[in-house]
PDB file of N, CA and C in Angstrom:
ATOM      1  N   UNK A   1     283.925 -38.993 454.450  1.00  0.00           N
ATOM      2  CA  UNK A   1     283.801 -40.436 454.598  1.00  0.00           C
ATOM      3  C   UNK A   1     285.183 -41.076 454.424  1.00  0.00           C
ATOM      4  N   UNK A   2     285.468 -42.070 455.241  1.00  0.00           N
ATOM      5  CA  UNK A   2     286.753 -42.760 455.216  1.00  0.00           C
ATOM      6  C   UNK A   2     286.796 -43.775 454.082  1.00  0.00           C
ATOM      7  N   UNK A   3     287.849 -43.715 453.278  1.00  0.00           N
ATOM      8  CA  UNK A   3     288.051 -44.670 452.195  1.00  0.00           C
ATOM      9  C   UNK A   3     289.358 -45.405 452.472  1.00  0.00           C
ATOM     10  N   UNK A   4     289.324 -46.724 452.498  1.00  0.00           N
ATOM     11  CA  UNK A   4     290.541 -47.480 452.765  1.00  0.00           C
ATOM     12  C   UNK A   4     291.493 -47.377 451.585  1.00  0.00           C
ATOM     13  N   UNK A   5     292.774 -47.554 451.861  1.00  0.00           N
ATOM     14  CA  UNK A   5     293.776 -47.513 450.807  1.00  0.00           C
ATOM     15  C   UNK A   5     293.522 -48.622 449.786  1.00  0.00           C
ATOM     16  N   UNK A   6     293.105 -49.782 450.254  1.00  0.00           N
ATOM     17  CA  UNK A   6     292.815 -50.902 449.359  1.00  0.00           C
ATOM     18  C   UNK A   6     291.685 -50.547 448.395  1.00  0.00           C
ATOM     19  N   UNK A   7     290.619 -49.988 448.923  1.00  0.00           N
ATOM     20  CA  UNK A   7     289.491 -49.586 448.070  1.00  0.00           C
ATOM     21  C   UNK A   7     289.902 -48.516 447.072  1.00  0.00           C
ATOM     22  N   UNK A   8     290.722 -47.591 447.514  1.00  0.00           N
ATOM     23  CA  UNK A   8     291.170 -46.510 446.639  1.00  0.00           C
ATOM     24  C   UNK A   8     292.030 -47.043 445.490  1.00  0.00           C
ATOM     25  N   UNK A   9     292.994 -47.934 445.803  1.00  0.00           N
ATOM     26  CA  UNK A   9     293.911 -48.422 444.777  1.00  0.00           C
ATOM     27  C   UNK A   9     293.290 -49.464 443.855  1.00  0.00           C
ATOM     28  N   UNK A  10     292.331 -50.228 444.362  1.00  0.00           N
ATOM     29  CA  UNK A  10     291.705 -51.287 443.557  1.00  0.00           C
ATOM     30  C   UNK A  10     290.258 -50.970 443.195  1.00  0.00           C
ATOM     31  N   UNK A  11     289.929 -49.713 443.092  1.00  0.00           N
ATOM     32  CA  UNK A  11     288.566 -49.307 442.794  1.00  0.00           C
ATOM     33  C   UNK A  11     288.017 -50.038 441.568  1.00  0.00           C
ATOM     34  N   UNK A  12     286.895 -50.723 441.745  1.00  0.00           N
ATOM     35  CA  UNK A  12     286.206 -51.466 440.683  1.00  0.00           C
ATOM     36  C   UNK A  12     287.053 -52.550 440.023  1.00  0.00           C
ATOM     37  N   UNK A  13     287.991 -53.110 440.759  1.00  0.00           N
ATOM     38  CA  UNK A  13     288.848 -54.188 440.259  1.00  0.00           C
ATOM     39  C   UNK A  13     288.871 -55.305 441.293  1.00  0.00           C
ATOM     40  N   UNK A  14     288.979 -56.536 440.837  1.00  0.00           N
ATOM     41  CA  UNK A  14     289.101 -57.645 441.776  1.00  0.00           C
ATOM     42  C   UNK A  14     290.480 -57.599 442.440  1.00  0.00           C
ATOM     43  N   UNK A  15     290.660 -58.271 443.554  1.00  0.00           N
ATOM     44  CA  UNK A  15     291.966 -58.279 444.218  1.00  0.00           C
ATOM     45  C   UNK A  15     292.940 -59.301 443.634  1.00  0.00           C
ATOM     46  N   UNK A  16     292.524 -60.041 442.610  1.00  0.00           N
ATOM     47  CA  UNK A  16     293.365 -61.111 442.067  1.00  0.00           C
ATOM     48  C   UNK A  16     294.524 -60.548 441.242  1.00  0.00           C
ATOM     49  N   UNK A  17     295.718 -61.034 441.532  1.00  0.00           N
ATOM     50  CA  UNK A  17     296.952 -60.506 440.946  1.00  0.00           C
ATOM     51  C   UNK A  17     297.378 -61.353 439.754  1.00  0.00           C
ATOM     52  N   UNK A  18     297.541 -60.705 438.599  1.00  0.00           N
ATOM     53  CA  UNK A  18     298.035 -61.426 437.425  1.00  0.00           C
ATOM     54  C   UNK A  18     299.558 -61.369 437.356  1.00  0.00           C
ATOM     55  N   UNK A  19     300.161 -60.276 437.846  1.00  0.00           N
ATOM     56  CA  UNK A  19     301.617 -60.204 437.907  1.00  0.00           C
ATOM     57  C   UNK A  19     302.045 -59.254 439.014  1.00  0.00           C
ATOM     58  N   UNK A  20     303.216 -59.558 439.580  1.00  0.00           N
ATOM     59  CA  UNK A  20     303.821 -58.726 440.599  1.00  0.00           C
ATOM     60  C   UNK A  20     305.303 -58.663 440.270  1.00  0.00           C
ATOM     61  N   UNK A  21     305.787 -57.448 439.980  1.00  0.00           N
ATOM     62  CA  UNK A  21     307.177 -57.283 439.557  1.00  0.00           C
ATOM     63  C   UNK A  21     307.856 -56.278 440.472  1.00  0.00           C
ATOM     64  N   UNK A  22     308.981 -56.697 441.059  1.00  0.00           N
ATOM     65  CA  UNK A  22     309.808 -55.771 441.811  1.00  0.00           C
ATOM     66  C   UNK A  22     310.998 -55.428 440.934  1.00  0.00           C
ATOM     67  N   UNK A  23     311.043 -54.200 440.447  1.00  0.00           N
ATOM     68  CA  UNK A  23     312.098 -53.703 439.570  1.00  0.00           C
ATOM     69  C   UNK A  23     313.149 -53.015 440.440  1.00  0.00           C
ATOM     70  N   UNK A  24     314.233 -53.722 440.726  1.00  0.00           N
ATOM     71  CA  UNK A  24     315.272 -53.194 441.606  1.00  0.00           C
ATOM     72  C   UNK A  24     315.905 -51.937 441.010  1.00  0.00           C
ATOM     73  N   UNK A  25     316.276 -51.988 439.740  1.00  0.00           N
ATOM     74  CA  UNK A  25     316.931 -50.843 439.103  1.00  0.00           C
ATOM     75  C   UNK A  25     316.006 -49.626 439.020  1.00  0.00           C
ATOM     76  N   UNK A  26     314.743 -49.855 438.741  1.00  0.00           N
ATOM     77  CA  UNK A  26     313.776 -48.766 438.634  1.00  0.00           C
ATOM     78  C   UNK A  26     313.183 -48.361 439.972  1.00  0.00           C
ATOM     79  N   UNK A  27     313.514 -49.119 441.038  1.00  0.00           N
ATOM     80  CA  UNK A  27     312.998 -48.889 442.395  1.00  0.00           C
ATOM     81  C   UNK A  27     311.473 -48.798 442.408  1.00  0.00           C
ATOM     82  N   UNK A  28     310.829 -49.816 441.765  1.00  0.00           N
ATOM     83  CA  UNK A  28     309.369 -49.863 441.690  1.00  0.00           C
ATOM     84  C   UNK A  28     308.859 -51.261 442.004  1.00  0.00           C
ATOM     85  N   UNK A  29     307.693 -51.315 442.624  1.00  0.00           N
ATOM     86  CA  UNK A  29     306.931 -52.546 442.769  1.00  0.00           C
ATOM     87  C   UNK A  29     305.644 -52.327 442.006  1.00  0.00           C
ATOM     88  N   UNK A  30     305.362 -53.224 441.052  1.00  0.00           N
ATOM     89  CA  UNK A  30     304.187 -53.086 440.202  1.00  0.00           C
ATOM     90  C   UNK A  30     303.319 -54.333 440.345  1.00  0.00           C
ATOM     91  N   UNK A  31     302.072 -54.131 440.733  1.00  0.00           N
ATOM     92  CA  UNK A  31     301.097 -55.217 440.814  1.00  0.00           C
ATOM     93  C   UNK A  31     300.032 -54.960 439.772  1.00  0.00           C
ATOM     94  N   UNK A  32     299.711 -55.985 438.985  1.00  0.00           N
ATOM     95  CA  UNK A  32     298.611 -55.882 438.036  1.00  0.00           C
ATOM     96  C   UNK A  32     297.495 -56.800 438.508  1.00  0.00           C
ATOM     97  N   UNK A  33     296.317 -56.219 438.674  1.00  0.00           N
ATOM     98  CA  UNK A  33     295.157 -56.986 439.131  1.00  0.00           C
ATOM     99  C   UNK A  33     294.154 -57.121 437.991  1.00  0.00           C
ATOM    100  N   UNK A  34     293.441 -58.224 437.992  1.00  0.00           N
ATOM    101  CA  UNK A  34     292.526 -58.548 436.902  1.00  0.00           C
ATOM    102  C   UNK A  34     291.101 -58.102 437.205  1.00  0.00           C
ATOM    103  N   UNK A  35     290.329 -57.991 436.144  1.00  0.00           N
ATOM    104  CA  UNK A  35     288.920 -57.643 436.275  1.00  0.00           C
ATOM    105  C   UNK A  35     288.173 -58.716 437.068  1.00  0.00           C
ATOM    106  N   UNK A  36     288.416 -59.975 436.727  1.00  0.00           N
ATOM    107  CA  UNK A  36     287.864 -61.098 437.484  1.00  0.00           C
ATOM    108  C   UNK A  36     288.747 -62.328 437.226  1.00  0.00           C
ATOM    109  N   UNK A  37     288.752 -63.281 438.132  1.00  0.00           N
ATOM    110  CA  UNK A  37     289.655 -64.431 437.990  1.00  0.00           C
ATOM    111  C   UNK A  37     289.267 -65.404 436.881  1.00  0.00           C
ATOM    112  N   UNK A  38     288.059 -65.295 436.351  1.00  0.00           N
ATOM    113  CA  UNK A  38     287.636 -66.203 435.292  1.00  0.00           C
ATOM    114  C   UNK A  38     288.324 -65.896 433.962  1.00  0.00           C
ATOM    115  N   UNK A  39     288.457 -64.599 433.630  1.00  0.00           N
ATOM    116  CA  UNK A  39     289.073 -64.273 432.338  1.00  0.00           C
ATOM    117  C   UNK A  39     290.518 -63.789 432.472  1.00  0.00           C
ATOM    118  N   UNK A  40     290.934 -63.403 433.678  1.00  0.00           N
ATOM    119  CA  UNK A  40     292.329 -63.006 433.966  1.00  0.00           C
ATOM    120  C   UNK A  40     292.853 -61.892 433.059  1.00  0.00           C
ATOM    121  N   UNK A  41     291.992 -60.968 432.692  1.00  0.00           N
ATOM    122  CA  UNK A  41     292.421 -59.825 431.881  1.00  0.00           C
ATOM    123  C   UNK A  41     292.854 -58.704 432.829  1.00  0.00           C
ATOM    124  N   UNK A  42     294.132 -58.285 432.756  1.00  0.00           N
ATOM    125  CA  UNK A  42     294.600 -57.210 433.639  1.00  0.00           C
ATOM    126  C   UNK A  42     293.780 -55.935 433.456  1.00  0.00           C
ATOM    127  N   UNK A  43     293.384 -55.332 434.586  1.00  0.00           N
ATOM    128  CA  UNK A  43     292.553 -54.126 434.537  1.00  0.00           C
ATOM    129  C   UNK A  43     293.216 -52.932 435.215  1.00  0.00           C
ATOM    130  N   UNK A  44     293.885 -53.178 436.352  1.00  0.00           N
ATOM    131  CA  UNK A  44     294.471 -52.087 437.130  1.00  0.00           C
ATOM    132  C   UNK A  44     295.909 -52.398 437.497  1.00  0.00           C
ATOM    133  N   UNK A  45     296.748 -51.381 437.389  1.00  0.00           N
ATOM    134  CA  UNK A  45     298.157 -51.497 437.779  1.00  0.00           C
ATOM    135  C   UNK A  45     298.363 -50.610 439.006  1.00  0.00           C
ATOM    136  N   UNK A  46     298.899 -51.192 440.091  1.00  0.00           N
ATOM    137  CA  UNK A  46     299.221 -50.453 441.303  1.00  0.00           C
ATOM    138  C   UNK A  46     300.738 -50.322 441.356  1.00  0.00           C
ATOM    139  N   UNK A  47     301.209 -49.085 441.531  1.00  0.00           N
ATOM    140  CA  UNK A  47     302.645 -48.823 441.464  1.00  0.00           C
ATOM    141  C   UNK A  47     303.133 -48.161 442.747  1.00  0.00           C
ATOM    142  N   UNK A  48     304.127 -48.788 443.348  1.00  0.00           N
ATOM    143  CA  UNK A  48     304.862 -48.205 444.471  1.00  0.00           C
ATOM    144  C   UNK A  48     306.218 -47.808 443.895  1.00  0.00           C
ATOM    145  N   UNK A  49     306.512 -46.507 443.837  1.00  0.00           N
ATOM    146  CA  UNK A  49     307.764 -46.070 443.209  1.00  0.00           C
ATOM    147  C   UNK A  49     308.658 -45.348 444.211  1.00  0.00           C
ATOM    148  N   UNK A  50     309.923 -45.207 443.821  1.00  0.00           N
ATOM    149  CA  UNK A  50     310.896 -44.576 444.700  1.00  0.00           C
ATOM    150  C   UNK A  50     311.173 -45.417 445.927  1.00  0.00           C
ATOM    151  N   UNK A  51     311.288 -46.727 445.738  1.00  0.00           N
ATOM    152  CA  UNK A  51     311.477 -47.631 446.867  1.00  0.00           C
ATOM    153  C   UNK A  51     312.844 -47.431 447.510  1.00  0.00           C
ATOM    154  N   UNK A  52     312.824 -47.189 448.828  1.00  0.00           N
ATOM    155  CA  UNK A  52     314.040 -47.057 449.622  1.00  0.00           C
ATOM    156  C   UNK A  52     314.409 -48.388 450.270  1.00  0.00           C
ATOM    157  N   UNK A  53     313.391 -49.159 450.663  1.00  0.00           N
ATOM    158  CA  UNK A  53     313.637 -50.492 451.227  1.00  0.00           C
ATOM    159  C   UNK A  53     312.476 -51.406 450.854  1.00  0.00           C
ATOM    160  N   UNK A  54     312.801 -52.699 450.725  1.00  0.00           N
ATOM    161  CA  UNK A  54     311.827 -53.705 450.298  1.00  0.00           C
ATOM    162  C   UNK A  54     312.114 -54.979 451.073  1.00  0.00           C
ATOM    163  N   UNK A  55     311.069 -55.583 451.620  1.00  0.00           N
ATOM    164  CA  UNK A  55     311.221 -56.904 452.232  1.00  0.00           C
ATOM    165  C   UNK A  55     309.924 -57.674 452.023  1.00  0.00           C
ATOM    166  N   UNK A  56     310.065 -58.988 451.936  1.00  0.00           N
ATOM    167  CA  UNK A  56     308.877 -59.821 451.795  1.00  0.00           C
ATOM    168  C   UNK A  56     309.051 -61.095 452.598  1.00  0.00           C
ATOM    169  N   UNK A  57     307.923 -61.600 453.041  1.00  0.00           N
ATOM    170  CA  UNK A  57     307.889 -62.846 453.796  1.00  0.00           C
ATOM    171  C   UNK A  57     306.797 -63.716 453.196  1.00  0.00           C
ATOM    172  N   UNK A  58     307.127 -64.966 452.927  1.00  0.00           N
ATOM    173  CA  UNK A  58     306.117 -65.894 452.414  1.00  0.00           C
ATOM    174  C   UNK A  58     305.197 -66.307 453.545  1.00  0.00           C
ATOM    175  N   UNK A  59     303.909 -66.189 453.305  1.00  0.00           N
ATOM    176  CA  UNK A  59     302.891 -66.568 454.284  1.00  0.00           C
ATOM    177  C   UNK A  59     302.418 -67.984 454.000  1.00  0.00           C
ATOM    178  N   UNK A  60     302.204 -68.268 452.726  1.00  0.00           N
ATOM    179  CA  UNK A  60     301.706 -69.574 452.291  1.00  0.00           C
ATOM    180  C   UNK A  60     302.897 -70.505 452.093  1.00  0.00           C
ATOM    181  N   UNK A  61     303.091 -71.424 452.999  1.00  0.00           N
ATOM    182  CA  UNK A  61     304.232 -72.332 452.936  1.00  0.00           C
ATOM    183  C   UNK A  61     304.023 -73.498 451.964  1.00  0.00           C
ATOM    184  N   UNK A  62     302.786 -73.688 451.488  1.00  0.00           N
ATOM    185  CA  UNK A  62     302.510 -74.818 450.607  1.00  0.00           C
ATOM    186  C   UNK A  62     302.781 -74.514 449.143  1.00  0.00           C
ATOM    187  N   UNK A  63     302.917 -73.243 448.772  1.00  0.00           N
ATOM    188  CA  UNK A  63     303.247 -72.831 447.410  1.00  0.00           C
ATOM    189  C   UNK A  63     302.380 -73.511 446.356  1.00  0.00           C
ATOM    190  N   UNK A  64     301.088 -73.332 446.455  1.00  0.00           N
ATOM    191  CA  UNK A  64     300.151 -73.888 445.481  1.00  0.00           C
ATOM    192  C   UNK A  64     300.161 -73.010 444.235  1.00  0.00           C
ATOM    193  N   UNK A  65     300.900 -73.435 443.209  1.00  0.00           N
ATOM    194  CA  UNK A  65     301.024 -72.641 441.991  1.00  0.00           C
ATOM    195  C   UNK A  65     299.731 -72.572 441.189  1.00  0.00           C
ATOM    196  N   UNK A  66     298.776 -73.416 441.491  1.00  0.00           N
ATOM    197  CA  UNK A  66     297.500 -73.390 440.783  1.00  0.00           C
ATOM    198  C   UNK A  66     296.538 -72.375 441.392  1.00  0.00           C
ATOM    199  N   UNK A  67     296.867 -71.879 442.555  1.00  0.00           N
ATOM    200  CA  UNK A  67     296.020 -70.912 443.247  1.00  0.00           C
ATOM    201  C   UNK A  67     296.508 -69.498 442.927  1.00  0.00           C
ATOM    202  N   UNK A  68     295.623 -68.672 442.404  1.00  0.00           N
ATOM    203  CA  UNK A  68     295.957 -67.297 442.043  1.00  0.00           C
ATOM    204  C   UNK A  68     296.065 -66.455 443.320  1.00  0.00           C
ATOM    205  N   UNK A  69     297.135 -65.699 443.432  1.00  0.00           N
ATOM    206  CA  UNK A  69     297.329 -64.843 444.603  1.00  0.00           C
ATOM    207  C   UNK A  69     296.384 -63.649 444.527  1.00  0.00           C
ATOM    208  N   UNK A  70     296.022 -63.116 445.680  1.00  0.00           N
ATOM    209  CA  UNK A  70     295.147 -61.949 445.706  1.00  0.00           C
ATOM    210  C   UNK A  70     295.520 -61.026 446.856  1.00  0.00           C
ATOM    211  N   UNK A  71     295.228 -59.747 446.655  1.00  0.00           N
ATOM    212  CA  UNK A  71     295.495 -58.730 447.665  1.00  0.00           C
ATOM    213  C   UNK A  71     294.465 -58.865 448.778  1.00  0.00           C
ATOM    214  N   UNK A  72     294.949 -58.907 449.995  1.00  0.00           N
ATOM    215  CA  UNK A  72     294.061 -58.858 451.157  1.00  0.00           C
ATOM    216  C   UNK A  72     293.919 -57.413 451.616  1.00  0.00           C
ATOM    217  N   UNK A  73     295.069 -56.708 451.656  1.00  0.00           N
ATOM    218  CA  UNK A  73     295.042 -55.345 452.164  1.00  0.00           C
ATOM    219  C   UNK A  73     296.298 -54.574 451.765  1.00  0.00           C
ATOM    220  N   UNK A  74     296.112 -53.303 451.459  1.00  0.00           N
ATOM    221  CA  UNK A  74     297.198 -52.333 451.353  1.00  0.00           C
ATOM    222  C   UNK A  74     297.033 -51.442 452.580  1.00  0.00           C
ATOM    223  N   UNK A  75     298.089 -51.257 453.357  1.00  0.00           N
ATOM    224  CA  UNK A  75     297.973 -50.378 454.523  1.00  0.00           C
ATOM    225  C   UNK A  75     299.238 -49.558 454.712  1.00  0.00           C
ATOM    226  N   UNK A  76     299.059 -48.451 455.372  1.00  0.00           N
ATOM    227  CA  UNK A  76     300.180 -47.570 455.685  1.00  0.00           C
ATOM    228  C   UNK A  76     300.538 -47.803 457.147  1.00  0.00           C
ATOM    229  N   UNK A  77     301.792 -48.184 457.389  1.00  0.00           N
ATOM    230  CA  UNK A  77     302.232 -48.437 458.759  1.00  0.00           C
ATOM    231  C   UNK A  77     302.728 -47.160 459.403  1.00  0.00           C
ATOM    232  N   UNK A  78     303.489 -46.387 458.694  1.00  0.00           N
ATOM    233  CA  UNK A  78     303.992 -45.092 459.142  1.00  0.00           C
ATOM    234  C   UNK A  78     304.272 -44.267 457.902  1.00  0.00           C
ATOM    235  N   UNK A  79     304.793 -43.079 458.098  1.00  0.00           N
ATOM    236  CA  UNK A  79     305.070 -42.228 456.944  1.00  0.00           C
ATOM    237  C   UNK A  79     305.892 -42.969 455.907  1.00  0.00           C
ATOM    238  N   UNK A  80     305.327 -43.085 454.725  1.00  0.00           N
ATOM    239  CA  UNK A  80     305.985 -43.673 453.553  1.00  0.00           C
ATOM    240  C   UNK A  80     306.373 -45.149 453.689  1.00  0.00           C
ATOM    241  N   UNK A  81     305.845 -45.857 454.665  1.00  0.00           N
ATOM    242  CA  UNK A  81     306.045 -47.305 454.773  1.00  0.00           C
ATOM    243  C   UNK A  81     304.680 -47.971 454.586  1.00  0.00           C
ATOM    244  N   UNK A  82     304.626 -48.847 453.598  1.00  0.00           N
ATOM    245  CA  UNK A  82     303.379 -49.528 453.269  1.00  0.00           C
ATOM    246  C   UNK A  82     303.545 -51.023 453.413  1.00  0.00           C
ATOM    247  N   UNK A  83     302.467 -51.676 453.828  1.00  0.00           N
ATOM    248  CA  UNK A  83     302.419 -53.132 453.935  1.00  0.00           C
ATOM    249  C   UNK A  83     301.406 -53.633 452.922  1.00  0.00           C
ATOM    250  N   UNK A  84     301.830 -54.605 452.119  1.00  0.00           N
ATOM    251  CA  UNK A  84     300.940 -55.239 451.152  1.00  0.00           C
ATOM    252  C   UNK A  84     300.756 -56.678 451.620  1.00  0.00           C
ATOM    253  N   UNK A  85     299.548 -57.012 452.024  1.00  0.00           N
ATOM    254  CA  UNK A  85     299.235 -58.382 452.433  1.00  0.00           C
ATOM    255  C   UNK A  85     298.484 -59.067 451.313  1.00  0.00           C
ATOM    256  N   UNK A  86     299.014 -60.227 450.883  1.00  0.00           N
ATOM    257  CA  UNK A  86     298.332 -61.045 449.894  1.00  0.00           C
ATOM    258  C   UNK A  86     298.092 -62.407 450.527  1.00  0.00           C
ATOM    259  N   UNK A  87     297.450 -63.282 449.790  1.00  0.00           N
ATOM    260  CA  UNK A  87     297.213 -64.641 450.284  1.00  0.00           C
ATOM    261  C   UNK A  87     298.528 -65.390 450.508  1.00  0.00           C
ATOM    262  N   UNK A  88     299.575 -65.029 449.745  1.00  0.00           N
ATOM    263  CA  UNK A  88     300.829 -65.773 449.785  1.00  0.00           C
ATOM    264  C   UNK A  88     301.994 -65.025 450.418  1.00  0.00           C
ATOM    265  N   UNK A  89     301.922 -63.691 450.519  1.00  0.00           N
ATOM    266  CA  UNK A  89     303.066 -62.898 450.973  1.00  0.00           C
ATOM    267  C   UNK A  89     302.641 -61.731 451.848  1.00  0.00           C
ATOM    268  N   UNK A  90     303.613 -61.247 452.620  1.00  0.00           N
ATOM    269  CA  UNK A  90     303.505 -59.950 453.260  1.00  0.00           C
ATOM    270  C   UNK A  90     304.719 -59.159 452.805  1.00  0.00           C
ATOM    271  N   UNK A  91     304.480 -58.028 452.164  1.00  0.00           N
ATOM    272  CA  UNK A  91     305.543 -57.196 451.602  1.00  0.00           C
ATOM    273  C   UNK A  91     305.538 -55.859 452.315  1.00  0.00           C
ATOM    274  N   UNK A  92     306.729 -55.402 452.672  1.00  0.00           N
ATOM    275  CA  UNK A  92     306.884 -54.090 453.283  1.00  0.00           C
ATOM    276  C   UNK A  92     307.767 -53.248 452.372  1.00  0.00           C
ATOM    277  N   UNK A  93     307.297 -52.037 452.042  1.00  0.00           N
ATOM    278  CA  UNK A  93     308.081 -51.128 451.209  1.00  0.00           C
ATOM    279  C   UNK A  93     308.104 -49.744 451.848  1.00  0.00           C
ATOM    280  N   UNK A  94     309.273 -49.139 451.807  1.00  0.00           N
ATOM    281  CA  UNK A  94     309.395 -47.731 452.168  1.00  0.00           C
ATOM    282  C   UNK A  94     309.625 -46.998 450.860  1.00  0.00           C
ATOM    283  N   UNK A  95     308.819 -45.979 450.608  1.00  0.00           N
ATOM    284  CA  UNK A  95     308.848 -45.302 449.312  1.00  0.00           C
ATOM    285  C   UNK A  95     308.989 -43.784 449.473  1.00  0.00           C
ATOM    286  N   UNK A  96     309.331 -43.131 448.367  1.00  0.00           N
ATOM    287  CA  UNK A  96     309.440 -41.668 448.325  1.00  0.00           C
ATOM    288  C   UNK A  96     308.094 -40.996 448.171  1.00  0.00           C
ATOM    289  N   UNK A  97     307.106 -41.717 447.610  1.00  0.00           N
ATOM    290  CA  UNK A  97     305.831 -41.082 447.290  1.00  0.00           C
ATOM    291  C   UNK A  97     304.678 -42.046 447.528  1.00  0.00           C
ATOM    292  N   UNK A  98     303.481 -41.484 447.466  1.00  0.00           N
ATOM    293  CA  UNK A  98     302.258 -42.271 447.630  1.00  0.00           C
ATOM    294  C   UNK A  98     302.125 -43.284 446.493  1.00  0.00           C
ATOM    295  N   UNK A  99     301.577 -44.479 446.776  1.00  0.00           N
ATOM    296  CA  UNK A  99     301.311 -45.414 445.686  1.00  0.00           C
ATOM    297  C   UNK A  99     300.184 -44.873 444.806  1.00  0.00           C
ATOM    298  N   UNK A 100     300.223 -45.267 443.541  1.00  0.00           N
ATOM    299  CA  UNK A 100     299.186 -44.838 442.598  1.00  0.00           C
ATOM    300  C   UNK A 100     298.645 -46.064 441.878  1.00  0.00           C
ATOM    301  N   UNK A 101     297.454 -45.896 441.341  1.00  0.00           N
ATOM    302  CA  UNK A 101     296.891 -46.956 440.493  1.00  0.00           C
ATOM    303  C   UNK A 101     296.471 -46.328 439.185  1.00  0.00           C
ATOM    304  N   UNK A 102     296.538 -47.161 438.131  1.00  0.00           N
ATOM    305  CA  UNK A 102     296.146 -46.698 436.809  1.00  0.00           C
ATOM    306  C   UNK A 102     295.437 -47.815 436.081  1.00  0.00           C
ATOM    307  N   UNK A 103     294.534 -47.435 435.212  1.00  0.00           N
ATOM    308  CA  UNK A 103     293.833 -48.426 434.390  1.00  0.00           C
ATOM    309  C   UNK A 103     294.759 -48.921 433.315  1.00  0.00           C
ATOM    310  N   UNK A 104     294.612 -50.196 432.994  1.00  0.00           N
ATOM    311  CA  UNK A 104     295.377 -50.802 431.906  1.00  0.00           C
ATOM    312  C   UNK A 104     294.463 -50.850 430.694  1.00  0.00           C
ATOM    313  N   UNK A 105     294.905 -50.282 429.611  1.00  0.00           N
ATOM    314  CA  UNK A 105     294.073 -50.220 428.400  1.00  0.00           C
ATOM    315  C   UNK A 105     293.934 -51.552 427.738  1.00  0.00           C
TER     316      UNK A 105
END
């Protein structure tokens, strides 16, 4: 059975993002998603590591800071190039390895 990358990385977690950090020195992009938007408790961390290239484009030109961003889709464009679409951004990363997700205690 086919499982989408989004379903795999955000298994049993809402798509709402509590933090998104691009660590240039560590060559990592880390997204923390919450259990639900009502309590905003981080539940899952998605990590793209070994970043070779990073680019982002703002999709939401109105910059509503009161609106919580959320993941629309994680997709693989080609070998080791991933696209992260959120309500506010489109991010492209080329990485050394597959993205992983981990539970936040």
